[in-house]
Amino acid sequence: MPVPFGSRKGPLFASSGIPGSDPETELFPEDGALQVKFLFANIKRGIEAAGGSLEDIIKCTFHLRDEEIRQHLNASWEESFPDPASRPARHTLMLHNFPREIAVMAEFLAVLPAN
């Protein structure tokens, strides 16, 4: 069953679950920090393909396998959204029942510019 990266309705764009897989190979590295790096690259690539940019994201939800991933998530978060006054809303959940190879996943909501 093919699942789209996301769906647009008017200016709203909602992503599906985005993994921290390598954008080139779609494989999951063992290193959780590298998965976080790939996750943000996948988010950026996806929002740009939808016609937007990181600045259009209004909410992110992150799913982490374990607490040690949070430090890497926070660093990439601040790098991707450097202005604290305009960062998206954020919710982070711990999901300990992830498949072993998945350290992090995300989903987001964005308001895209008109076509």
PDB file of N, CA and C in Angstrom:
ATOM      1  N   MET A   1       0.844  -1.167   0.000  1.00  0.00           N
ATOM      2  CA  MET A   1       0.000   0.000   0.000  1.00  0.00           C
ATOM      3  C   MET A   1       0.898   1.242   0.000  1.00  0.00           C
ATOM      4  N   PRO A   2       0.917   2.012  -1.078  1.00  0.00           N
ATOM      5  CA  PRO A   2       1.742   3.211  -1.119  1.00  0.00           C
ATOM      6  C   PRO A   2       1.168   4.307  -0.228  1.00  0.00           C
ATOM      7  N   VAL A   3       2.030   4.929   0.538  1.00  0.00           N
ATOM      8  CA  VAL A   3       1.645   6.023   1.428  1.00  0.00           C
ATOM      9  C   VAL A   3       2.343   7.277   0.923  1.00  0.00           C
ATOM     10  N   PRO A   4       1.598   8.378   0.697  1.00  0.00           N
ATOM     11  CA  PRO A   4       2.232   9.593   0.200  1.00  0.00           C
ATOM     12  C   PRO A   4       3.094  10.246   1.279  1.00  0.00           C
ATOM     13  N   PHE A   5       4.032  11.080   0.839  1.00  0.00           N
ATOM     14  CA  PHE A   5       4.835  11.850   1.803  1.00  0.00           C
ATOM     15  C   PHE A   5       3.921  12.722   2.651  1.00  0.00           C
ATOM     16  N   GLY A   6       2.892  13.274   2.014  1.00  0.00           N
ATOM     17  CA  GLY A   6       1.954  14.131   2.716  1.00  0.00           C
ATOM     18  C   GLY A   6       0.770  14.445   1.834  1.00  0.00           C
ATOM     19  N   SER A   7      -0.090  15.294   2.356  1.00  0.00           N
ATOM     20  CA  SER A   7      -1.308  15.639   1.644  1.00  0.00           C
ATOM     21  C   SER A   7      -1.592  17.127   1.823  1.00  0.00           C
ATOM     22  N   ARG A   8      -2.040  17.754   0.736  1.00  0.00           N
ATOM     23  CA  ARG A   8      -2.352  19.181   0.775  1.00  0.00           C
ATOM     24  C   ARG A   8      -3.845  19.391   0.593  1.00  0.00           C
ATOM     25  N   LYS A   9      -4.409  20.271   1.385  1.00  0.00           N
ATOM     26  CA  LYS A   9      -5.799  20.698   1.258  1.00  0.00           C
ATOM     27  C   LYS A   9      -5.785  22.215   1.383  1.00  0.00           C
ATOM     28  N   GLY A  10      -5.974  22.908   0.246  1.00  0.00           N
ATOM     29  CA  GLY A  10      -5.836  24.365   0.246  1.00  0.00           C
ATOM     30  C   GLY A  10      -4.411  24.717   0.624  1.00  0.00           C
ATOM     31  N   PRO A  11      -4.223  25.641   1.556  1.00  0.00           N
ATOM     32  CA  PRO A  11      -2.864  26.008   1.954  1.00  0.00           C
ATOM     33  C   PRO A  11      -2.246  25.068   2.993  1.00  0.00           C
ATOM     34  N   LEU A  12      -3.048  24.157   3.548  1.00  0.00           N
ATOM     35  CA  LEU A  12      -2.539  23.266   4.595  1.00  0.00           C
ATOM     36  C   LEU A  12      -1.863  22.042   3.993  1.00  0.00           C
ATOM     37  N   PHE A  13      -0.714  21.697   4.547  1.00  0.00           N
ATOM     38  CA  PHE A  13       0.015  20.507   4.146  1.00  0.00           C
ATOM     39  C   PHE A  13       0.323  19.704   5.397  1.00  0.00           C
ATOM     40  N   ALA A  14      -0.099  18.447   5.419  1.00  0.00           N
ATOM     41  CA  ALA A  14       0.186  17.544   6.533  1.00  0.00           C
ATOM     42  C   ALA A  14       1.058  16.409   6.019  1.00  0.00           C
ATOM     43  N   SER A  15       2.170  16.184   6.690  1.00  0.00           N
ATOM     44  CA  SER A  15       3.051  15.094   6.273  1.00  0.00           C
ATOM     45  C   SER A  15       2.562  13.774   6.839  1.00  0.00           C
ATOM     46  N   SER A  16       2.996  12.712   6.218  1.00  0.00           N
ATOM     47  CA  SER A  16       2.879  11.377   6.801  1.00  0.00           C
ATOM     48  C   SER A  16       4.054  11.225   7.774  1.00  0.00           C
ATOM     49  N   GLY A  17       4.245  10.047   8.313  1.00  0.00           N
ATOM     50  CA  GLY A  17       5.401   9.800   9.170  1.00  0.00           C
ATOM     51  C   GLY A  17       6.681   9.843   8.358  1.00  0.00           C
ATOM     52  N   ILE A  18       7.629  10.632   8.813  1.00  0.00           N
ATOM     53  CA  ILE A  18       8.900  10.814   8.108  1.00  0.00           C
ATOM     54  C   ILE A  18       9.994  10.126   8.915  1.00  0.00           C
ATOM     55  N   PRO A  19      10.704   9.194   8.302  1.00  0.00           N
ATOM     56  CA  PRO A  19      11.758   8.480   9.028  1.00  0.00           C
ATOM     57  C   PRO A  19      13.110   9.187   8.957  1.00  0.00           C
ATOM     58  N   GLY A  20      14.015   8.727   9.775  1.00  0.00           N
ATOM     59  CA  GLY A  20      15.390   9.221   9.751  1.00  0.00           C
ATOM     60  C   GLY A  20      16.277   8.351   8.885  1.00  0.00           C
ATOM     61  N   SER A  21      15.740   7.903   7.771  1.00  0.00           N
ATOM     62  CA  SER A  21      16.516   7.054   6.861  1.00  0.00           C
ATOM     63  C   SER A  21      17.387   7.914   5.949  1.00  0.00           C
ATOM     64  N   ASP A  22      18.430   7.304   5.437  1.00  0.00           N
ATOM     65  CA  ASP A  22      19.338   7.972   4.503  1.00  0.00           C
ATOM     66  C   ASP A  22      18.542   8.354   3.252  1.00  0.00           C
ATOM     67  N   PRO A  23      18.535   9.643   2.864  1.00  0.00           N
ATOM     68  CA  PRO A  23      17.758  10.053   1.687  1.00  0.00           C
ATOM     69  C   PRO A  23      18.202   9.381   0.388  1.00  0.00           C
ATOM     70  N   GLU A  24      19.436   8.940   0.320  1.00  0.00           N
ATOM     71  CA  GLU A  24      19.951   8.299  -0.898  1.00  0.00           C
ATOM     72  C   GLU A  24      19.625   6.809  -0.958  1.00  0.00           C
ATOM     73  N   THR A  25      19.810   6.113   0.160  1.00  0.00           N
ATOM     74  CA  THR A  25      19.662   4.654   0.169  1.00  0.00           C
ATOM     75  C   THR A  25      18.368   4.164   0.814  1.00  0.00           C
ATOM     76  N   GLU A  26      17.718   5.042   1.586  1.00  0.00           N
ATOM     77  CA  GLU A  26      16.526   4.725   2.371  1.00  0.00           C
ATOM     78  C   GLU A  26      16.800   3.715   3.485  1.00  0.00           C
ATOM     79  N   LEU A  27      18.072   3.488   3.793  1.00  0.00           N
ATOM     80  CA  LEU A  27      18.453   2.604   4.893  1.00  0.00           C
ATOM     81  C   LEU A  27      18.585   3.418   6.177  1.00  0.00           C
ATOM     82  N   PHE A  28      18.424   2.740   7.321  1.00  0.00           N
ATOM     83  CA  PHE A  28      18.554   3.393   8.617  1.00  0.00           C
ATOM     84  C   PHE A  28      19.949   3.154   9.180  1.00  0.00           C
ATOM     85  N   PRO A  29      20.717   4.223   9.397  1.00  0.00           N
ATOM     86  CA  PRO A  29      22.018   4.014  10.035  1.00  0.00           C
ATOM     87  C   PRO A  29      21.816   3.601  11.495  1.00  0.00           C
ATOM     88  N   GLU A  30      22.786   2.899  12.054  1.00  0.00           N
ATOM     89  CA  GLU A  30      22.696   2.499  13.458  1.00  0.00           C
ATOM     90  C   GLU A  30      22.819   3.697  14.386  1.00  0.00           C
ATOM     91  N   ASP A  31      23.533   4.723  13.966  1.00  0.00           N
ATOM     92  CA  ASP A  31      23.788   5.918  14.775  1.00  0.00           C
ATOM     93  C   ASP A  31      22.536   6.797  14.853  1.00  0.00           C
ATOM     94  N   GLY A  32      21.996   6.962  16.057  1.00  0.00           N
ATOM     95  CA  GLY A  32      20.794   7.775  16.250  1.00  0.00           C
ATOM     96  C   GLY A  32      21.003   9.227  15.861  1.00  0.00           C
ATOM     97  N   ALA A  33      22.185   9.779  16.123  1.00  0.00           N
ATOM     98  CA  ALA A  33      22.471  11.167  15.753  1.00  0.00           C
ATOM     99  C   ALA A  33      22.404  11.341  14.239  1.00  0.00           C
ATOM    100  N   LEU A  34      22.885  10.362  13.505  1.00  0.00           N
ATOM    101  CA  LEU A  34      22.837  10.432  12.052  1.00  0.00           C
ATOM    102  C   LEU A  34      21.399  10.290  11.558  1.00  0.00           C
ATOM    103  N   GLN A  35      20.602   9.474  12.229  1.00  0.00           N
ATOM    104  CA  GLN A  35      19.193   9.379  11.860  1.00  0.00           C
ATOM    105  C   GLN A  35      18.489  10.728  12.037  1.00  0.00           C
ATOM    106  N   VAL A  36      18.811  11.442  13.100  1.00  0.00           N
ATOM    107  CA  VAL A  36      18.214  12.766  13.317  1.00  0.00           C
ATOM    108  C   VAL A  36      18.632  13.713  12.198  1.00  0.00           C
ATOM    109  N   LYS A  37      19.895  13.678  11.822  1.00  0.00           N
ATOM    110  CA  LYS A  37      20.379  14.522  10.721  1.00  0.00           C
ATOM    111  C   LYS A  37      19.613  14.209   9.436  1.00  0.00           C
ATOM    112  N   PHE A  38      19.468  12.929   9.136  1.00  0.00           N
ATOM    113  CA  PHE A  38      18.724  12.518   7.941  1.00  0.00           C
ATOM    114  C   PHE A  38      17.251  12.903   8.049  1.00  0.00           C
ATOM    115  N   LEU A  39      16.683  12.790   9.245  1.00  0.00           N
ATOM    116  CA  LEU A  39      15.290  13.160   9.451  1.00  0.00           C
ATOM    117  C   LEU A  39      15.048  14.611   9.031  1.00  0.00           C
ATOM    118  N   PHE A  40      15.898  15.524   9.499  1.00  0.00           N
ATOM    119  CA  PHE A  40      15.714  16.930   9.156  1.00  0.00           C
ATOM    120  C   PHE A  40      15.973  17.180   7.673  1.00  0.00           C
ATOM    121  N   ALA A  41      16.883  16.433   7.074  1.00  0.00           N
ATOM    122  CA  ALA A  41      17.095  16.541   5.624  1.00  0.00           C
ATOM    123  C   ALA A  41      15.850  16.072   4.876  1.00  0.00           C
ATOM    124  N   ASN A  42      15.212  15.002   5.362  1.00  0.00           N
ATOM    125  CA  ASN A  42      14.003  14.487   4.734  1.00  0.00           C
ATOM    126  C   ASN A  42      12.834  15.461   4.894  1.00  0.00           C
ATOM    127  N   ILE A  43      12.731  16.096   6.055  1.00  0.00           N
ATOM    128  CA  ILE A  43      11.696  17.109   6.271  1.00  0.00           C
ATOM    129  C   ILE A  43      11.888  18.262   5.293  1.00  0.00           C
ATOM    130  N   LYS A  44      13.110  18.760   5.204  1.00  0.00           N
ATOM    131  CA  LYS A  44      13.409  19.903   4.319  1.00  0.00           C
ATOM    132  C   LYS A  44      13.127  19.545   2.862  1.00  0.00           C
ATOM    133  N   ARG A  45      13.574  18.387   2.448  1.00  0.00           N
ATOM    134  CA  ARG A  45      13.357  17.941   1.079  1.00  0.00           C
ATOM    135  C   ARG A  45      11.868  17.803   0.782  1.00  0.00           C
ATOM    136  N   GLY A  46      11.114  17.275   1.715  1.00  0.00           N
ATOM    137  CA  GLY A  46       9.686  17.071   1.527  1.00  0.00           C
ATOM    138  C   GLY A  46       8.890  18.361   1.467  1.00  0.00           C
ATOM    139  N   ILE A  47       9.176  19.297   2.364  1.00  0.00           N
ATOM    140  CA  ILE A  47       8.430  20.555   2.362  1.00  0.00           C
ATOM    141  C   ILE A  47       8.763  21.361   1.117  1.00  0.00           C
ATOM    142  N   GLU A  48      10.001  21.288   0.663  1.00  0.00           N
ATOM    143  CA  GLU A  48      10.377  21.999  -0.563  1.00  0.00           C
ATOM    144  C   GLU A  48       9.707  21.374  -1.783  1.00  0.00           C
ATOM    145  N   ALA A  49       9.580  20.052  -1.813  1.00  0.00           N
ATOM    146  CA  ALA A  49       8.893  19.387  -2.923  1.00  0.00           C
ATOM    147  C   ALA A  49       7.414  19.764  -2.956  1.00  0.00           C
ATOM    148  N   ALA A  50       6.856  20.084  -1.799  1.00  0.00           N
ATOM    149  CA  ALA A  50       5.449  20.486  -1.715  1.00  0.00           C
ATOM    150  C   ALA A  50       5.259  21.963  -2.068  1.00  0.00           C
ATOM    151  N   GLY A  51       6.360  22.680  -2.301  1.00  0.00           N
ATOM    152  CA  GLY A  51       6.274  24.086  -2.673  1.00  0.00           C
ATOM    153  C   GLY A  51       6.465  25.056  -1.535  1.00  0.00           C
ATOM    154  N   GLY A  52       6.988  24.566  -0.415  1.00  0.00           N
ATOM    155  CA  GLY A  52       7.188  25.433   0.742  1.00  0.00           C
ATOM    156  C   GLY A  52       8.621  25.424   1.221  1.00  0.00           C
ATOM    157  N   SER A  53       8.791  25.871   2.446  1.00  0.00           N
ATOM    158  CA  SER A  53      10.105  25.892   3.081  1.00  0.00           C
ATOM    159  C   SER A  53       9.923  25.601   4.568  1.00  0.00           C
ATOM    160  N   LEU A  54      11.011  25.436   5.266  1.00  0.00           N
ATOM    161  CA  LEU A  54      10.936  25.172   6.705  1.00  0.00           C
ATOM    162  C   LEU A  54      10.156  26.263   7.436  1.00  0.00           C
ATOM    163  N   GLU A  55      10.219  27.480   6.943  1.00  0.00           N
ATOM    164  CA  GLU A  55       9.522  28.601   7.581  1.00  0.00           C
ATOM    165  C   GLU A  55       7.997  28.449   7.532  1.00  0.00           C
ATOM    166  N   ASP A  56       7.493  27.585   6.649  1.00  0.00           N
ATOM    167  CA  ASP A  56       6.053  27.380   6.512  1.00  0.00           C
ATOM    168  C   ASP A  56       5.508  26.346   7.494  1.00  0.00           C
ATOM    169  N   ILE A  57       6.379  25.637   8.181  1.00  0.00           N
ATOM    170  CA  ILE A  57       5.954  24.603   9.132  1.00  0.00           C
ATOM    171  C   ILE A  57       5.455  25.276  10.404  1.00  0.00           C
ATOM    172  N   ILE A  58       4.249  24.861  10.850  1.00  0.00           N
ATOM    173  CA  ILE A  58       3.675  25.460  12.059  1.00  0.00           C
ATOM    174  C   ILE A  58       3.645  24.493  13.243  1.00  0.00           C
ATOM    175  N   LYS A  59       3.790  23.187  12.996  1.00  0.00           N
ATOM    176  CA  LYS A  59       3.803  22.217  14.096  1.00  0.00           C
ATOM    177  C   LYS A  59       4.573  20.972  13.687  1.00  0.00           C
ATOM    178  N   CYS A  60       5.389  20.472  14.605  1.00  0.00           N
ATOM    179  CA  CYS A  60       6.126  19.216  14.413  1.00  0.00           C
ATOM    180  C   CYS A  60       5.852  18.300  15.594  1.00  0.00           C
ATOM    181  N   THR A  61       5.688  17.039  15.290  1.00  0.00           N
ATOM    182  CA  THR A  61       5.595  16.011  16.321  1.00  0.00           C
ATOM    183  C   THR A  61       6.717  15.015  16.054  1.00  0.00           C
ATOM    184  N   PHE A  62       7.499  14.733  17.095  1.00  0.00           N
ATOM    185  CA  PHE A  62       8.623  13.809  16.978  1.00  0.00           C
ATOM    186  C   PHE A  62       8.358  12.583  17.833  1.00  0.00           C
ATOM    187  N   HIS A  63       8.740  11.433  17.319  1.00  0.00           N
ATOM    188  CA  HIS A  63       8.615  10.156  18.017  1.00  0.00           C
ATOM    189  C   HIS A  63      10.029   9.608  18.187  1.00  0.00           C
ATOM    190  N   LEU A  64      10.453   9.437  19.421  1.00  0.00           N
ATOM    191  CA  LEU A  64      11.811   8.976  19.722  1.00  0.00           C
ATOM    192  C   LEU A  64      11.775   7.584  20.333  1.00  0.00           C
ATOM    193  N   ARG A  65      12.759   6.770  19.965  1.00  0.00           N
ATOM    194  CA  ARG A  65      12.880   5.434  20.547  1.00  0.00           C
ATOM    195  C   ARG A  65      13.364   5.508  21.989  1.00  0.00           C
ATOM    196  N   ASP A  66      14.293   6.432  22.267  1.00  0.00           N
ATOM    197  CA  ASP A  66      14.792   6.562  23.627  1.00  0.00           C
ATOM    198  C   ASP A  66      15.261   7.991  23.892  1.00  0.00           C
ATOM    199  N   GLU A  67      15.430   8.301  25.150  1.00  0.00           N
ATOM    200  CA  GLU A  67      15.727   9.662  25.601  1.00  0.00           C
ATOM    201  C   GLU A  67      17.061  10.190  25.077  1.00  0.00           C
ATOM    202  N   GLU A  68      18.034   9.342  24.826  1.00  0.00           N
ATOM    203  CA  GLU A  68      19.344   9.818  24.373  1.00  0.00           C
ATOM    204  C   GLU A  68      19.283  10.513  23.012  1.00  0.00           C
ATOM    205  N   ILE A  69      18.252  10.260  22.236  1.00  0.00           N
ATOM    206  CA  ILE A  69      18.094  10.888  20.928  1.00  0.00           C
ATOM    207  C   ILE A  69      17.717  12.366  21.067  1.00  0.00           C
ATOM    208  N   ARG A  70      17.096  12.739  22.188  1.00  0.00           N
ATOM    209  CA  ARG A  70      16.595  14.104  22.374  1.00  0.00           C
ATOM    210  C   ARG A  70      17.680  15.161  22.219  1.00  0.00           C
ATOM    211  N   GLN A  71      18.876  14.927  22.721  1.00  0.00           N
ATOM    212  CA  GLN A  71      19.949  15.924  22.599  1.00  0.00           C
ATOM    213  C   GLN A  71      20.278  16.208  21.137  1.00  0.00           C
ATOM    214  N   HIS A  72      20.260  15.189  20.305  1.00  0.00           N
ATOM    215  CA  HIS A  72      20.534  15.372  18.871  1.00  0.00           C
ATOM    216  C   HIS A  72      19.351  16.070  18.193  1.00  0.00           C
ATOM    217  N   LEU A  73      18.153  15.700  18.611  1.00  0.00           N
ATOM    218  CA  LEU A  73      16.954  16.349  18.090  1.00  0.00           C
ATOM    219  C   LEU A  73      16.979  17.846  18.412  1.00  0.00           C
ATOM    220  N   ASN A  74      17.302  18.186  19.646  1.00  0.00           N
ATOM    221  CA  ASN A  74      17.334  19.597  20.048  1.00  0.00           C
ATOM    222  C   ASN A  74      18.353  20.391  19.236  1.00  0.00           C
ATOM    223  N   ALA A  75      19.519  19.825  18.996  1.00  0.00           N
ATOM    224  CA  ALA A  75      20.556  20.521  18.221  1.00  0.00           C
ATOM    225  C   ALA A  75      20.098  20.757  16.779  1.00  0.00           C
ATOM    226  N   SER A  76      19.530  19.743  16.145  1.00  0.00           N
ATOM    227  CA  SER A  76      19.050  19.894  14.770  1.00  0.00           C
ATOM    228  C   SER A  76      17.846  20.835  14.709  1.00  0.00           C
ATOM    229  N   TRP A  77      17.017  20.808  15.738  1.00  0.00           N
ATOM    230  CA  TRP A  77      15.857  21.698  15.831  1.00  0.00           C
ATOM    231  C   TRP A  77      16.315  23.158  15.808  1.00  0.00           C
ATOM    232  N   GLU A  78      17.273  23.468  16.658  1.00  0.00           N
ATOM    233  CA  GLU A  78      17.762  24.845  16.737  1.00  0.00           C
ATOM    234  C   GLU A  78      18.479  25.262  15.456  1.00  0.00           C
ATOM    235  N   GLU A  79      19.141  24.339  14.808  1.00  0.00           N
ATOM    236  CA  GLU A  79      19.810  24.635  13.536  1.00  0.00           C
ATOM    237  C   GLU A  79      18.782  24.872  12.426  1.00  0.00           C
ATOM    238  N   SER A  80      17.732  24.084  12.397  1.00  0.00           N
ATOM    239  CA  SER A  80      16.710  24.208  11.358  1.00  0.00           C
ATOM    240  C   SER A  80      15.781  25.396  11.588  1.00  0.00           C
ATOM    241  N   PHE A  81      15.544  25.710  12.847  1.00  0.00           N
ATOM    242  CA  PHE A  81      14.647  26.810  13.225  1.00  0.00           C
ATOM    243  C   PHE A  81      15.384  27.730  14.196  1.00  0.00           C
ATOM    244  N   PRO A  82      16.332  28.540  13.686  1.00  0.00           N
ATOM    245  CA  PRO A  82      17.219  29.304  14.564  1.00  0.00           C
ATOM    246  C   PRO A  82      16.550  30.439  15.349  1.00  0.00           C
ATOM    247  N   ASP A  83      15.441  30.971  14.884  1.00  0.00           N
ATOM    248  CA  ASP A  83      14.785  32.087  15.571  1.00  0.00           C
ATOM    249  C   ASP A  83      13.759  31.558  16.571  1.00  0.00           C
ATOM    250  N   PRO A  84      14.049  31.684  17.869  1.00  0.00           N
ATOM    251  CA  PRO A  84      13.117  31.162  18.874  1.00  0.00           C
ATOM    252  C   PRO A  84      11.729  31.791  18.796  1.00  0.00           C
ATOM    253  N   ALA A  85      11.630  32.992  18.256  1.00  0.00           N
ATOM    254  CA  ALA A  85      10.345  33.685  18.174  1.00  0.00           C
ATOM    255  C   ALA A  85       9.460  33.157  17.042  1.00  0.00           C
ATOM    256  N   SER A  86      10.041  32.398  16.107  1.00  0.00           N
ATOM    257  CA  SER A  86       9.227  31.930  14.983  1.00  0.00           C
ATOM    258  C   SER A  86       9.308  30.414  14.774  1.00  0.00           C
ATOM    259  N   ARG A  87       9.754  29.691  15.780  1.00  0.00           N
ATOM    260  CA  ARG A  87       9.800  28.229  15.663  1.00  0.00           C
ATOM    261  C   ARG A  87       8.390  27.651  15.657  1.00  0.00           C
ATOM    262  N   PRO A  88       8.224  26.523  14.980  1.00  0.00           N
ATOM    263  CA  PRO A  88       6.917  25.847  15.017  1.00  0.00           C
ATOM    264  C   PRO A  88       6.617  25.323  16.419  1.00  0.00           C
ATOM    265  N   ALA A  89       5.345  25.041  16.663  1.00  0.00           N
ATOM    266  CA  ALA A  89       4.982  24.316  17.873  1.00  0.00           C
ATOM    267  C   ALA A  89       5.629  22.936  17.783  1.00  0.00           C
ATOM    268  N   ARG A  90       5.903  22.336  18.928  1.00  0.00           N
ATOM    269  CA  ARG A  90       6.606  21.045  18.924  1.00  0.00           C
ATOM    270  C   ARG A  90       6.072  20.140  20.025  1.00  0.00           C
ATOM    271  N   HIS A  91       5.950  18.877  19.691  1.00  0.00           N
ATOM    272  CA  HIS A  91       5.559  17.857  20.661  1.00  0.00           C
ATOM    273  C   HIS A  91       6.476  16.662  20.445  1.00  0.00           C
ATOM    274  N   THR A  92       7.060  16.149  21.528  1.00  0.00           N
ATOM    275  CA  THR A  92       7.984  15.016  21.427  1.00  0.00           C
ATOM    276  C   THR A  92       7.469  13.873  22.293  1.00  0.00           C
ATOM    277  N   LEU A  93       7.376  12.701  21.683  1.00  0.00           N
ATOM    278  CA  LEU A  93       6.872  11.516  22.371  1.00  0.00           C
ATOM    279  C   LEU A  93       7.934  10.422  22.379  1.00  0.00           C
ATOM    280  N   MET A  94       7.964   9.662  23.456  1.00  0.00           N
ATOM    281  CA  MET A  94       8.841   8.507  23.529  1.00  0.00           C
ATOM    282  C   MET A  94       8.023   7.271  23.145  1.00  0.00           C
ATOM    283  N   LEU A  95       8.484   6.546  22.136  1.00  0.00           N
ATOM    284  CA  LEU A  95       7.808   5.328  21.692  1.00  0.00           C
ATOM    285  C   LEU A  95       8.802   4.173  21.760  1.00  0.00           C
ATOM    286  N   HIS A  96       8.816   3.494  22.842  1.00  0.00           N
ATOM    287  CA  HIS A  96       9.805   2.446  23.078  1.00  0.00           C
ATOM    288  C   HIS A  96       9.544   1.187  22.253  1.00  0.00           C
ATOM    289  N   ASN A  97       8.413   1.109  21.599  1.00  0.00           N
ATOM    290  CA  ASN A  97       8.106  -0.094  20.825  1.00  0.00           C
ATOM    291  C   ASN A  97       8.440   0.063  19.343  1.00  0.00           C
ATOM    292  N   PHE A  98       9.281   1.025  18.995  1.00  0.00           N
ATOM    293  CA  PHE A  98       9.738   1.181  17.612  1.00  0.00           C
ATOM    294  C   PHE A  98      10.508  -0.063  17.181  1.00  0.00           C
ATOM    295  N   PRO A  99      10.473  -0.376  15.899  1.00  0.00           N
ATOM    296  CA  PRO A  99      11.392  -1.402  15.409  1.00  0.00           C
ATOM    297  C   PRO A  99      12.827  -0.996  15.736  1.00  0.00           C
ATOM    298  N   ARG A 100      13.661  -1.914  16.017  1.00  0.00           N
ATOM    299  CA  ARG A 100      15.030  -1.667  16.492  1.00  0.00           C
ATOM    300  C   ARG A 100      15.816  -0.682  15.620  1.00  0.00           C
ATOM    301  N   GLU A 101      15.629  -0.732  14.300  1.00  0.00           N
ATOM    302  CA  GLU A 101      16.436   0.115  13.414  1.00  0.00           C
ATOM    303  C   GLU A 101      15.968   1.573  13.382  1.00  0.00           C
ATOM    304  N   ILE A 102      14.773   1.868  13.889  1.00  0.00           N
ATOM    305  CA  ILE A 102      14.246   3.229  13.833  1.00  0.00           C
ATOM    306  C   ILE A 102      14.478   3.933  15.167  1.00  0.00           C
ATOM    307  N   ALA A 103      15.231   5.037  15.125  1.00  0.00           N
ATOM    308  CA  ALA A 103      15.497   5.819  16.329  1.00  0.00           C
ATOM    309  C   ALA A 103      14.569   7.020  16.447  1.00  0.00           C
ATOM    310  N   VAL A 104      14.091   7.538  15.307  1.00  0.00           N
ATOM    311  CA  VAL A 104      13.295   8.771  15.321  1.00  0.00           C
ATOM    312  C   VAL A 104      12.396   8.832  14.082  1.00  0.00           C
ATOM    313  N   MET A 105      11.217   9.388  14.270  1.00  0.00           N
ATOM    314  CA  MET A 105      10.303   9.695  13.163  1.00  0.00           C
ATOM    315  C   MET A 105       9.644  11.032  13.497  1.00  0.00           C
ATOM    316  N   ALA A 106       9.063  11.650  12.471  1.00  0.00           N
ATOM    317  CA  ALA A 106       8.398  12.935  12.679  1.00  0.00           C
ATOM    318  C   ALA A 106       7.201  13.059  11.762  1.00  0.00           C
ATOM    319  N   GLU A 107       6.363  13.998  12.074  1.00  0.00           N
ATOM    320  CA  GLU A 107       5.303  14.441  11.186  1.00  0.00           C
ATOM    321  C   GLU A 107       5.152  15.936  11.413  1.00  0.00           C
ATOM    322  N   PHE A 108       4.654  16.639  10.396  1.00  0.00           N
ATOM    323  CA  PHE A 108       4.512  18.079  10.545  1.00  0.00           C
ATOM    324  C   PHE A 108       3.288  18.591   9.828  1.00  0.00           C
ATOM    325  N   LEU A 109       2.888  19.804  10.208  1.00  0.00           N
ATOM    326  CA  LEU A 109       1.797  20.532   9.572  1.00  0.00           C
ATOM    327  C   LEU A 109       2.376  21.866   9.109  1.00  0.00           C
ATOM    328  N   ALA A 110       2.028  22.264   7.890  1.00  0.00           N
ATOM    329  CA  ALA A 110       2.537  23.515   7.334  1.00  0.00           C
ATOM    330  C   ALA A 110       1.414  24.277   6.630  1.00  0.00           C
ATOM    331  N   VAL A 111       1.594  25.588   6.562  1.00  0.00           N
ATOM    332  CA  VAL A 111       0.724  26.440   5.767  1.00  0.00           C
ATOM    333  C   VAL A 111       1.563  26.929   4.604  1.00  0.00           C
ATOM    334  N   LEU A 112       1.225  26.448   3.391  1.00  0.00           N
ATOM    335  CA  LEU A 112       2.036  26.726   2.214  1.00  0.00           C
ATOM    336  C   LEU A 112       1.543  27.983   1.479  1.00  0.00           C
ATOM    337  N   PRO A 113       2.468  28.632   0.784  1.00  0.00           N
ATOM    338  CA  PRO A 113       2.059  29.783  -0.016  1.00  0.00           C
ATOM    339  C   PRO A 113       1.155  29.336  -1.162  1.00  0.00           C
ATOM    340  N   ALA A 114       0.372  30.278  -1.685  1.00  0.00           N
ATOM    341  CA  ALA A 114      -0.503  29.977  -2.813  1.00  0.00           C
ATOM    342  C   ALA A 114       0.346  29.560  -4.015  1.00  0.00           C
ATOM    343  N   ASN A 115      -0.203  28.712  -4.867  1.00  0.00           N
ATOM    344  CA  ASN A 115       0.533  28.234  -6.054  1.00  0.00           C
ATOM    345  C   ASN A 115       0.928  29.374  -6.949  1.00  0.00           C
TER     346      ASN A 115
END
